[in-house]
Amino acid sequence: MKQTERIALSAMFVAVMLVLGYIENMIPIGGMPGIKLGLSNSVLLLSLYWLGIPVSIQLMLIKVVLSGITFSGVNAMMYALAGGVLSLAAMILMIHGIRDVSPIGAGIAGGVMHNVGQITLAMLVLQTTSLLTYMAILMVVGAVMGAVTGTVAKLLMVHLPPKFAPPKRKSRSMPTPEGDRQSAP
């Protein structure tokens, strides 16, 4: 993939993550604070597979900052950053460390760790451990929602135009995160 295509795809990913984040803020799920679909994580999963770790980290940071400035404010930005860092770290470990983990498995790990990051920050800020019960609930919800976002990412990888899909690995038919390298002309 050419550099200009990488930049355009990255910008498109940020725009889609912002729109999905905005839509998710408007949809109350379960009547409990902190429960969201997490659909923007499916875009981040695509980024990890197609654009690699450094670009994905940048995209997550840009999304957190722009969402905080645009929709939610500095306090929510702190919680989104805590959840985003742990979520992205878990997905990186699943995709690039363990290998042969499907986007669904990576999505589950990311969903669970996102909630762990946010509740851990809340426990530190509020100086209480009473949120551990709530963390247990959110971990289950994170696993379910992570499976949904992983499934969305997997379906997108299959159905997006081949131009955007990197070459497939030999061991599985999943796109490789580094399959987009080209030799210099």
N, C-alpha and C. Protein backbone atom coordinates (compact mmCIF):
# COMPACT_ATOMS: atom_id res chain seq x y z
N MET A 1 0.85 -1.17 0.00
CA MET A 1 0.00 0.00 0.00
C MET A 1 0.90 1.23 0.00
N LYS A 2 0.61 2.17 -0.86
CA LYS A 2 1.39 3.40 -0.95
C LYS A 2 1.15 4.27 0.27
N GLN A 3 2.11 5.17 0.53
CA GLN A 3 2.02 6.05 1.70
C GLN A 3 0.75 6.90 1.66
N THR A 4 0.41 7.43 0.50
CA THR A 4 -0.80 8.25 0.42
C THR A 4 -2.05 7.42 0.70
N GLU A 5 -2.06 6.16 0.26
CA GLU A 5 -3.20 5.30 0.55
C GLU A 5 -3.29 4.99 2.04
N ARG A 6 -2.13 4.79 2.70
CA ARG A 6 -2.10 4.55 4.14
C ARG A 6 -2.68 5.75 4.91
N ILE A 7 -2.27 6.95 4.50
CA ILE A 7 -2.74 8.17 5.17
C ILE A 7 -4.24 8.32 4.96
N ALA A 8 -4.70 8.12 3.74
CA ALA A 8 -6.14 8.24 3.45
C ALA A 8 -6.94 7.20 4.22
N LEU A 9 -6.46 5.96 4.26
CA LEU A 9 -7.16 4.91 5.00
C LEU A 9 -7.16 5.22 6.49
N SER A 10 -6.06 5.73 7.01
CA SER A 10 -5.99 6.11 8.44
C SER A 10 -6.99 7.21 8.76
N ALA A 11 -7.06 8.22 7.90
CA ALA A 11 -8.01 9.31 8.12
C ALA A 11 -9.45 8.80 8.06
N MET A 12 -9.71 7.91 7.12
CA MET A 12 -11.05 7.33 7.02
C MET A 12 -11.38 6.52 8.28
N PHE A 13 -10.41 5.76 8.79
CA PHE A 13 -10.62 4.99 10.01
C PHE A 13 -10.95 5.89 11.19
N VAL A 14 -10.22 7.00 11.34
CA VAL A 14 -10.51 7.94 12.44
C VAL A 14 -11.91 8.51 12.29
N ALA A 15 -12.28 8.90 11.09
CA ALA A 15 -13.62 9.46 10.86
C ALA A 15 -14.70 8.45 11.21
N VAL A 16 -14.52 7.21 10.77
CA VAL A 16 -15.52 6.18 11.06
C VAL A 16 -15.58 5.90 12.57
N MET A 17 -14.42 5.87 13.24
CA MET A 17 -14.42 5.64 14.69
C MET A 17 -15.15 6.76 15.42
N LEU A 18 -14.96 8.00 14.98
CA LEU A 18 -15.64 9.14 15.62
C LEU A 18 -17.15 9.06 15.42
N VAL A 19 -17.58 8.74 14.21
CA VAL A 19 -19.02 8.62 13.93
C VAL A 19 -19.62 7.48 14.76
N LEU A 20 -18.96 6.34 14.78
CA LEU A 20 -19.48 5.20 15.56
C LEU A 20 -19.52 5.53 17.06
N GLY A 21 -18.48 6.22 17.54
CA GLY A 21 -18.47 6.63 18.94
C GLY A 21 -19.62 7.57 19.27
N TYR A 22 -19.90 8.49 18.37
CA TYR A 22 -21.01 9.42 18.57
C TYR A 22 -22.35 8.67 18.61
N ILE A 23 -22.52 7.75 17.68
CA ILE A 23 -23.76 6.97 17.63
C ILE A 23 -23.91 6.13 18.90
N GLU A 24 -22.82 5.52 19.35
CA GLU A 24 -22.86 4.69 20.56
C GLU A 24 -23.26 5.51 21.79
N ASN A 25 -22.81 6.76 21.86
CA ASN A 25 -23.17 7.62 22.99
C ASN A 25 -24.67 7.90 23.03
N MET A 26 -25.33 7.80 21.89
CA MET A 26 -26.76 8.08 21.83
C MET A 26 -27.62 6.85 22.11
N ILE A 27 -27.00 5.66 22.17
CA ILE A 27 -27.75 4.42 22.36
C ILE A 27 -27.53 3.91 23.79
N PRO A 28 -28.55 4.03 24.65
CA PRO A 28 -28.41 3.47 26.01
C PRO A 28 -28.56 1.95 25.96
N ILE A 29 -27.61 1.25 26.57
CA ILE A 29 -27.66 -0.21 26.58
C ILE A 29 -27.68 -0.69 28.02
N GLY A 30 -28.68 -1.44 28.38
CA GLY A 30 -28.74 -2.06 29.69
C GLY A 30 -29.02 -1.13 30.85
N GLY A 31 -29.13 0.15 30.62
CA GLY A 31 -29.42 1.09 31.69
C GLY A 31 -28.28 1.27 32.68
N MET A 32 -27.10 0.76 32.36
CA MET A 32 -25.95 0.88 33.25
C MET A 32 -24.90 1.77 32.60
N PRO A 33 -24.26 2.64 33.39
CA PRO A 33 -23.21 3.48 32.80
C PRO A 33 -22.02 2.63 32.37
N GLY A 34 -21.41 3.03 31.26
CA GLY A 34 -20.22 2.34 30.79
C GLY A 34 -20.46 1.21 29.81
N ILE A 35 -21.70 0.84 29.60
CA ILE A 35 -21.98 -0.26 28.67
C ILE A 35 -22.25 0.34 27.29
N LYS A 36 -21.38 -0.01 26.34
CA LYS A 36 -21.51 0.46 24.97
C LYS A 36 -21.21 -0.70 24.03
N LEU A 37 -21.60 -0.55 22.79
CA LEU A 37 -21.33 -1.57 21.79
C LEU A 37 -19.85 -1.69 21.48
N GLY A 38 -19.13 -0.58 21.47
CA GLY A 38 -17.71 -0.61 21.19
C GLY A 38 -17.40 -0.85 19.72
N LEU A 39 -18.28 -0.42 18.84
CA LEU A 39 -18.10 -0.68 17.41
C LEU A 39 -16.84 -0.02 16.84
N SER A 40 -16.40 1.07 17.45
CA SER A 40 -15.17 1.69 16.93
C SER A 40 -13.96 0.77 17.14
N ASN A 41 -14.07 -0.16 18.08
CA ASN A 41 -12.98 -1.13 18.25
C ASN A 41 -12.85 -2.06 17.04
N SER A 42 -13.94 -2.27 16.31
CA SER A 42 -13.83 -3.10 15.10
C SER A 42 -12.96 -2.40 14.07
N VAL A 43 -13.03 -1.08 14.01
CA VAL A 43 -12.19 -0.31 13.11
C VAL A 43 -10.74 -0.38 13.57
N LEU A 44 -10.53 -0.31 14.88
CA LEU A 44 -9.18 -0.41 15.42
C LEU A 44 -8.59 -1.80 15.16
N LEU A 45 -9.41 -2.82 15.22
CA LEU A 45 -8.95 -4.17 14.88
C LEU A 45 -8.51 -4.23 13.42
N LEU A 46 -9.29 -3.66 12.53
CA LEU A 46 -8.89 -3.60 11.13
C LEU A 46 -7.54 -2.91 10.98
N SER A 47 -7.38 -1.82 11.70
CA SER A 47 -6.13 -1.08 11.65
C SER A 47 -4.96 -1.93 12.11
N LEU A 48 -5.15 -2.69 13.17
CA LEU A 48 -4.07 -3.56 13.65
C LEU A 48 -3.68 -4.60 12.61
N TYR A 49 -4.64 -5.16 11.94
CA TYR A 49 -4.35 -6.16 10.91
C TYR A 49 -3.75 -5.53 9.66
N TRP A 50 -4.26 -4.37 9.24
CA TRP A 50 -3.89 -3.82 7.94
C TRP A 50 -2.80 -2.75 7.99
N LEU A 51 -2.77 -1.97 9.07
CA LEU A 51 -1.83 -0.85 9.12
C LEU A 51 -0.72 -1.03 10.13
N GLY A 52 -0.86 -1.98 11.04
CA GLY A 52 0.19 -2.25 12.01
C GLY A 52 0.03 -1.52 13.34
N ILE A 53 0.95 -1.80 14.23
CA ILE A 53 0.87 -1.30 15.61
C ILE A 53 1.06 0.21 15.71
N PRO A 54 2.14 0.80 15.17
CA PRO A 54 2.34 2.24 15.37
C PRO A 54 1.17 3.09 14.87
N VAL A 55 0.66 2.78 13.69
CA VAL A 55 -0.47 3.55 13.15
C VAL A 55 -1.71 3.35 14.02
N SER A 56 -1.93 2.14 14.49
CA SER A 56 -3.10 1.86 15.33
C SER A 56 -3.04 2.61 16.65
N ILE A 57 -1.86 2.70 17.23
CA ILE A 57 -1.70 3.49 18.46
C ILE A 57 -2.04 4.94 18.20
N GLN A 58 -1.53 5.48 17.10
CA GLN A 58 -1.83 6.87 16.75
C GLN A 58 -3.33 7.08 16.53
N LEU A 59 -3.96 6.15 15.83
CA LEU A 59 -5.39 6.28 15.57
C LEU A 59 -6.20 6.25 16.86
N MET A 60 -5.84 5.36 17.79
CA MET A 60 -6.55 5.29 19.06
C MET A 60 -6.40 6.60 19.83
N LEU A 61 -5.18 7.15 19.87
CA LEU A 61 -4.95 8.40 20.59
C LEU A 61 -5.71 9.56 19.95
N ILE A 62 -5.69 9.62 18.63
CA ILE A 62 -6.43 10.69 17.93
C ILE A 62 -7.92 10.57 18.20
N LYS A 63 -8.44 9.36 18.16
CA LYS A 63 -9.88 9.15 18.42
C LYS A 63 -10.25 9.56 19.83
N VAL A 64 -9.42 9.20 20.82
CA VAL A 64 -9.70 9.55 22.21
C VAL A 64 -9.71 11.06 22.39
N VAL A 65 -8.69 11.73 21.85
CA VAL A 65 -8.59 13.19 22.01
C VAL A 65 -9.74 13.89 21.29
N LEU A 66 -9.99 13.53 20.04
CA LEU A 66 -11.05 14.20 19.29
C LEU A 66 -12.43 13.92 19.88
N SER A 67 -12.67 12.70 20.34
CA SER A 67 -13.95 12.38 20.98
C SER A 67 -14.11 13.18 22.27
N GLY A 68 -13.03 13.26 23.03
CA GLY A 68 -13.10 14.02 24.29
C GLY A 68 -13.38 15.48 24.07
N ILE A 69 -12.69 16.07 23.10
CA ILE A 69 -12.88 17.49 22.80
C ILE A 69 -14.27 17.73 22.23
N THR A 70 -14.72 16.85 21.35
CA THR A 70 -15.97 17.07 20.63
C THR A 70 -17.21 16.67 21.41
N PHE A 71 -17.16 15.53 22.12
CA PHE A 71 -18.39 14.98 22.69
C PHE A 71 -18.44 14.94 24.21
N SER A 72 -17.33 14.67 24.88
CA SER A 72 -17.48 14.27 26.28
C SER A 72 -16.68 15.04 27.32
N GLY A 73 -15.61 15.67 26.99
CA GLY A 73 -14.84 16.44 27.96
C GLY A 73 -13.61 15.69 28.48
N VAL A 74 -12.84 16.40 29.30
CA VAL A 74 -11.55 15.90 29.77
C VAL A 74 -11.70 14.68 30.68
N ASN A 75 -12.66 14.68 31.59
CA ASN A 75 -12.81 13.53 32.49
C ASN A 75 -13.09 12.25 31.71
N ALA A 76 -14.00 12.32 30.79
CA ALA A 76 -14.30 11.13 29.99
C ALA A 76 -13.10 10.74 29.13
N MET A 77 -12.32 11.73 28.71
CA MET A 77 -11.13 11.46 27.91
C MET A 77 -10.13 10.61 28.71
N MET A 78 -10.00 10.90 30.01
CA MET A 78 -9.09 10.12 30.87
C MET A 78 -9.53 8.66 30.92
N TYR A 79 -10.81 8.43 31.10
CA TYR A 79 -11.33 7.07 31.18
C TYR A 79 -11.22 6.35 29.83
N ALA A 80 -11.49 7.08 28.75
CA ALA A 80 -11.36 6.50 27.42
C ALA A 80 -9.91 6.13 27.13
N LEU A 81 -8.99 6.96 27.58
CA LEU A 81 -7.57 6.68 27.37
C LEU A 81 -7.13 5.46 28.17
N ALA A 82 -7.56 5.37 29.42
CA ALA A 82 -7.21 4.21 30.26
C ALA A 82 -7.74 2.93 29.64
N GLY A 83 -9.00 2.96 29.22
CA GLY A 83 -9.58 1.78 28.59
C GLY A 83 -8.96 1.49 27.24
N GLY A 84 -8.71 2.54 26.46
CA GLY A 84 -8.14 2.37 25.13
C GLY A 84 -6.74 1.79 25.16
N VAL A 85 -5.92 2.25 26.10
CA VAL A 85 -4.54 1.75 26.19
C VAL A 85 -4.53 0.26 26.54
N LEU A 86 -5.30 -0.12 27.55
CA LEU A 86 -5.33 -1.54 27.93
C LEU A 86 -5.97 -2.40 26.84
N SER A 87 -7.02 -1.90 26.24
CA SER A 87 -7.70 -2.64 25.18
C SER A 87 -6.76 -2.86 24.00
N LEU A 88 -6.10 -1.80 23.57
CA LEU A 88 -5.20 -1.91 22.43
C LEU A 88 -4.02 -2.82 22.75
N ALA A 89 -3.49 -2.73 23.97
CA ALA A 89 -2.39 -3.61 24.38
C ALA A 89 -2.82 -5.08 24.32
N ALA A 90 -4.02 -5.37 24.78
CA ALA A 90 -4.52 -6.75 24.75
C ALA A 90 -4.70 -7.23 23.31
N MET A 91 -5.24 -6.36 22.46
CA MET A 91 -5.45 -6.76 21.06
C MET A 91 -4.12 -6.94 20.34
N ILE A 92 -3.14 -6.09 20.64
CA ILE A 92 -1.81 -6.24 20.05
C ILE A 92 -1.20 -7.56 20.47
N LEU A 93 -1.31 -7.88 21.75
CA LEU A 93 -0.78 -9.15 22.25
C LEU A 93 -1.46 -10.33 21.56
N MET A 94 -2.76 -10.25 21.42
CA MET A 94 -3.49 -11.35 20.80
C MET A 94 -3.14 -11.50 19.31
N ILE A 95 -3.04 -10.39 18.61
CA ILE A 95 -2.83 -10.46 17.16
C ILE A 95 -1.36 -10.65 16.80
N HIS A 96 -0.48 -9.89 17.44
CA HIS A 96 0.92 -9.90 17.05
C HIS A 96 1.79 -10.77 17.95
N GLY A 97 1.33 -11.05 19.15
CA GLY A 97 2.13 -11.86 20.06
C GLY A 97 1.79 -13.32 19.96
N ILE A 98 0.54 -13.64 20.14
CA ILE A 98 0.10 -15.03 20.14
C ILE A 98 -0.03 -15.56 18.72
N ARG A 99 -0.44 -14.73 17.80
CA ARG A 99 -0.68 -15.09 16.40
C ARG A 99 -1.80 -16.11 16.27
N ASP A 100 -2.28 -16.24 15.08
CA ASP A 100 -3.36 -17.16 14.76
C ASP A 100 -4.58 -17.02 15.67
N VAL A 101 -4.74 -15.85 16.28
CA VAL A 101 -5.94 -15.55 17.04
C VAL A 101 -6.87 -14.80 16.10
N SER A 102 -8.11 -15.21 16.06
CA SER A 102 -9.06 -14.56 15.16
C SER A 102 -9.39 -13.17 15.67
N PRO A 103 -9.93 -12.32 14.79
CA PRO A 103 -10.38 -11.00 15.24
C PRO A 103 -11.43 -11.09 16.36
N ILE A 104 -12.17 -12.18 16.38
CA ILE A 104 -13.18 -12.35 17.44
C ILE A 104 -12.49 -12.51 18.79
N GLY A 105 -11.46 -13.35 18.86
CA GLY A 105 -10.70 -13.51 20.10
C GLY A 105 -10.02 -12.23 20.53
N ALA A 106 -9.44 -11.51 19.56
CA ALA A 106 -8.80 -10.23 19.87
C ALA A 106 -9.84 -9.21 20.34
N GLY A 107 -11.02 -9.22 19.72
CA GLY A 107 -12.09 -8.31 20.13
C GLY A 107 -12.57 -8.58 21.54
N ILE A 108 -12.68 -9.85 21.90
CA ILE A 108 -13.08 -10.21 23.26
C ILE A 108 -12.05 -9.70 24.27
N ALA A 109 -10.78 -9.97 23.99
CA ALA A 109 -9.72 -9.51 24.90
C ALA A 109 -9.74 -7.99 25.01
N GLY A 110 -9.91 -7.31 23.88
CA GLY A 110 -9.96 -5.85 23.90
C GLY A 110 -11.15 -5.30 24.66
N GLY A 111 -12.32 -5.91 24.48
CA GLY A 111 -13.53 -5.46 25.18
C GLY A 111 -13.41 -5.62 26.69
N VAL A 112 -12.89 -6.75 27.11
CA VAL A 112 -12.72 -7.00 28.55
C VAL A 112 -11.73 -6.02 29.14
N MET A 113 -10.57 -5.87 28.48
CA MET A 113 -9.52 -5.00 29.04
C MET A 113 -9.90 -3.53 29.00
N HIS A 114 -10.73 -3.14 28.05
CA HIS A 114 -11.20 -1.75 28.03
C HIS A 114 -11.96 -1.44 29.32
N ASN A 115 -12.84 -2.34 29.69
CA ASN A 115 -13.61 -2.13 30.92
C ASN A 115 -12.73 -2.23 32.16
N VAL A 116 -11.76 -3.12 32.16
CA VAL A 116 -10.83 -3.24 33.28
C VAL A 116 -10.06 -1.93 33.45
N GLY A 117 -9.60 -1.35 32.34
CA GLY A 117 -8.87 -0.09 32.40
C GLY A 117 -9.70 1.05 32.96
N GLN A 118 -10.94 1.14 32.51
CA GLN A 118 -11.80 2.23 32.99
C GLN A 118 -12.17 2.07 34.46
N ILE A 119 -12.51 0.87 34.88
CA ILE A 119 -12.90 0.65 36.28
C ILE A 119 -11.69 0.80 37.19
N THR A 120 -10.52 0.35 36.74
CA THR A 120 -9.31 0.52 37.55
C THR A 120 -9.02 1.99 37.77
N LEU A 121 -9.13 2.79 36.72
CA LEU A 121 -8.93 4.23 36.88
C LEU A 121 -9.97 4.82 37.83
N ALA A 122 -11.21 4.41 37.70
CA ALA A 122 -12.26 4.91 38.58
C ALA A 122 -11.96 4.54 40.04
N MET A 123 -11.47 3.32 40.28
CA MET A 123 -11.13 2.92 41.65
C MET A 123 -9.97 3.75 42.19
N LEU A 124 -9.01 4.09 41.34
CA LEU A 124 -7.90 4.93 41.78
C LEU A 124 -8.36 6.36 42.06
N VAL A 125 -9.18 6.91 41.18
CA VAL A 125 -9.67 8.28 41.35
C VAL A 125 -10.55 8.39 42.58
N LEU A 126 -11.46 7.43 42.75
CA LEU A 126 -12.41 7.47 43.87
C LEU A 126 -11.85 6.84 45.14
N GLN A 127 -10.68 6.22 45.05
CA GLN A 127 -10.03 5.55 46.16
C GLN A 127 -10.96 4.58 46.87
N THR A 128 -11.50 3.65 46.08
CA THR A 128 -12.40 2.64 46.61
C THR A 128 -12.24 1.35 45.82
N THR A 129 -12.50 0.25 46.49
CA THR A 129 -12.51 -1.04 45.81
C THR A 129 -13.94 -1.55 45.60
N SER A 130 -14.91 -0.72 45.95
CA SER A 130 -16.30 -1.14 45.85
C SER A 130 -16.75 -1.35 44.40
N LEU A 131 -15.96 -0.88 43.46
CA LEU A 131 -16.32 -1.03 42.06
C LEU A 131 -15.92 -2.39 41.48
N LEU A 132 -15.29 -3.25 42.29
CA LEU A 132 -14.88 -4.57 41.79
C LEU A 132 -16.08 -5.41 41.34
N THR A 133 -17.20 -5.29 42.05
CA THR A 133 -18.40 -6.02 41.64
C THR A 133 -18.88 -5.54 40.27
N TYR A 134 -18.86 -4.24 40.10
CA TYR A 134 -19.26 -3.66 38.82
C TYR A 134 -18.29 -4.08 37.72
N MET A 135 -16.99 -4.19 38.06
CA MET A 135 -16.01 -4.64 37.08
C MET A 135 -16.33 -6.04 36.60
N ALA A 136 -16.75 -6.90 37.51
CA ALA A 136 -17.09 -8.28 37.12
C ALA A 136 -18.22 -8.28 36.09
N ILE A 137 -19.22 -7.45 36.30
CA ILE A 137 -20.33 -7.35 35.36
C ILE A 137 -19.84 -6.81 34.01
N LEU A 138 -19.03 -5.76 34.07
CA LEU A 138 -18.55 -5.14 32.84
C LEU A 138 -17.59 -6.05 32.07
N MET A 139 -16.88 -6.94 32.76
CA MET A 139 -16.00 -7.88 32.07
C MET A 139 -16.81 -8.85 31.21
N VAL A 140 -17.94 -9.31 31.75
CA VAL A 140 -18.81 -10.20 30.99
C VAL A 140 -19.40 -9.45 29.79
N VAL A 141 -19.88 -8.24 30.05
CA VAL A 141 -20.43 -7.42 28.96
C VAL A 141 -19.35 -7.11 27.93
N GLY A 142 -18.13 -6.81 28.39
CA GLY A 142 -17.02 -6.54 27.48
C GLY A 142 -16.69 -7.73 26.60
N ALA A 143 -16.78 -8.92 27.17
CA ALA A 143 -16.51 -10.13 26.38
C ALA A 143 -17.57 -10.30 25.29
N VAL A 144 -18.83 -10.08 25.64
CA VAL A 144 -19.91 -10.22 24.67
C VAL A 144 -19.79 -9.16 23.58
N MET A 145 -19.62 -7.92 24.00
CA MET A 145 -19.51 -6.83 23.02
C MET A 145 -18.23 -6.97 22.20
N GLY A 146 -17.16 -7.46 22.81
CA GLY A 146 -15.92 -7.69 22.08
C GLY A 146 -16.09 -8.76 21.01
N ALA A 147 -16.89 -9.77 21.31
CA ALA A 147 -17.18 -10.79 20.30
C ALA A 147 -17.95 -10.18 19.13
N VAL A 148 -18.85 -9.25 19.44
CA VAL A 148 -19.60 -8.56 18.38
C VAL A 148 -18.65 -7.73 17.52
N THR A 149 -17.80 -6.92 18.15
CA THR A 149 -16.90 -6.07 17.37
C THR A 149 -15.88 -6.91 16.59
N GLY A 150 -15.42 -8.00 17.17
CA GLY A 150 -14.51 -8.89 16.46
C GLY A 150 -15.17 -9.52 15.25
N THR A 151 -16.44 -9.88 15.40
CA THR A 151 -17.19 -10.45 14.28
C THR A 151 -17.37 -9.42 13.17
N VAL A 152 -17.69 -8.18 13.56
CA VAL A 152 -17.82 -7.10 12.57
C VAL A 152 -16.50 -6.91 11.83
N ALA A 153 -15.38 -6.88 12.56
CA ALA A 153 -14.07 -6.71 11.93
C ALA A 153 -13.77 -7.86 10.98
N LYS A 154 -14.08 -9.07 11.41
CA LYS A 154 -13.81 -10.25 10.57
C LYS A 154 -14.65 -10.18 9.29
N LEU A 155 -15.91 -9.80 9.41
CA LEU A 155 -16.77 -9.68 8.23
C LEU A 155 -16.28 -8.58 7.29
N LEU A 156 -15.82 -7.47 7.86
CA LEU A 156 -15.31 -6.39 7.03
C LEU A 156 -14.05 -6.82 6.28
N MET A 157 -13.20 -7.60 6.94
CA MET A 157 -11.99 -8.09 6.28
C MET A 157 -12.32 -8.97 5.09
N VAL A 158 -13.40 -9.70 5.20
CA VAL A 158 -13.79 -10.60 4.11
C VAL A 158 -14.46 -9.82 2.98
N HIS A 159 -15.24 -8.79 3.31
CA HIS A 159 -16.09 -8.15 2.31
C HIS A 159 -15.56 -6.83 1.76
N LEU A 160 -14.51 -6.27 2.32
CA LEU A 160 -13.98 -5.03 1.75
C LEU A 160 -13.23 -5.34 0.46
N PRO A 161 -13.12 -4.37 -0.41
CA PRO A 161 -12.45 -4.61 -1.69
C PRO A 161 -11.04 -5.17 -1.50
N PRO A 162 -10.62 -6.07 -2.38
CA PRO A 162 -9.30 -6.70 -2.25
C PRO A 162 -8.15 -5.70 -2.24
N LYS A 163 -8.34 -4.52 -2.82
CA LYS A 163 -7.27 -3.52 -2.84
C LYS A 163 -6.82 -3.18 -1.42
N PHE A 164 -7.75 -3.17 -0.47
CA PHE A 164 -7.41 -2.81 0.90
C PHE A 164 -6.92 -3.99 1.72
N ALA A 165 -7.20 -5.19 1.26
CA ALA A 165 -6.83 -6.38 2.03
C ALA A 165 -5.38 -6.76 1.75
N PRO A 166 -4.57 -6.88 2.82
CA PRO A 166 -3.20 -7.34 2.60
C PRO A 166 -3.19 -8.82 2.22
N PRO A 167 -2.05 -9.32 1.72
CA PRO A 167 -1.97 -10.74 1.36
C PRO A 167 -2.27 -11.63 2.57
N LYS A 168 -2.76 -12.82 2.29
CA LYS A 168 -3.13 -13.74 3.36
C LYS A 168 -1.93 -14.56 3.80
N ARG A 169 -1.96 -14.96 5.09
CA ARG A 169 -0.90 -15.81 5.63
C ARG A 169 -1.08 -17.23 5.12
N LYS A 170 -0.01 -18.00 5.18
CA LYS A 170 -0.06 -19.38 4.73
C LYS A 170 -0.84 -20.27 5.70
N SER A 171 -0.69 -20.03 7.02
CA SER A 171 -1.29 -20.94 8.00
C SER A 171 -2.79 -20.76 8.13
N ARG A 172 -3.29 -19.56 7.87
CA ARG A 172 -4.72 -19.27 7.96
C ARG A 172 -5.09 -18.28 6.90
N SER A 173 -6.37 -18.07 6.76
CA SER A 173 -6.81 -17.12 5.74
C SER A 173 -7.06 -15.74 6.32
N MET A 174 -6.41 -15.41 7.44
CA MET A 174 -6.57 -14.09 8.05
C MET A 174 -5.53 -13.14 7.48
N PRO A 175 -5.87 -11.88 7.29
CA PRO A 175 -4.90 -10.91 6.77
C PRO A 175 -3.74 -10.73 7.76
N THR A 176 -2.57 -10.54 7.23
CA THR A 176 -1.41 -10.29 8.09
C THR A 176 -1.29 -8.81 8.36
N PRO A 177 -0.80 -8.45 9.54
CA PRO A 177 -0.66 -7.03 9.85
C PRO A 177 0.45 -6.37 9.04
N GLU A 178 1.41 -7.15 8.58
CA GLU A 178 2.53 -6.56 7.88
C GLU A 178 2.53 -6.97 6.41
N GLY A 179 1.43 -7.46 5.92
CA GLY A 179 1.36 -7.94 4.55
C GLY A 179 1.29 -6.84 3.52
N ASP A 180 1.32 -5.58 3.96
CA ASP A 180 1.18 -4.49 3.02
C ASP A 180 2.52 -3.88 2.62
N ARG A 181 3.61 -4.49 3.00
CA ARG A 181 4.91 -3.96 2.63
C ARG A 181 5.16 -4.19 1.15
N GLN A 182 5.71 -3.20 0.52
CA GLN A 182 6.05 -3.31 -0.89
C GLN A 182 7.51 -2.99 -1.06
N SER A 183 8.10 -3.56 -2.09
CA SER A 183 9.48 -3.19 -2.36
C SER A 183 9.49 -1.83 -3.04
N ALA A 184 10.56 -1.12 -2.86
CA ALA A 184 10.66 0.22 -3.43
C ALA A 184 10.70 0.11 -4.95
N PRO A 185 10.06 1.04 -5.66
CA PRO A 185 10.04 1.00 -7.14
C PRO A 185 11.41 1.27 -7.72
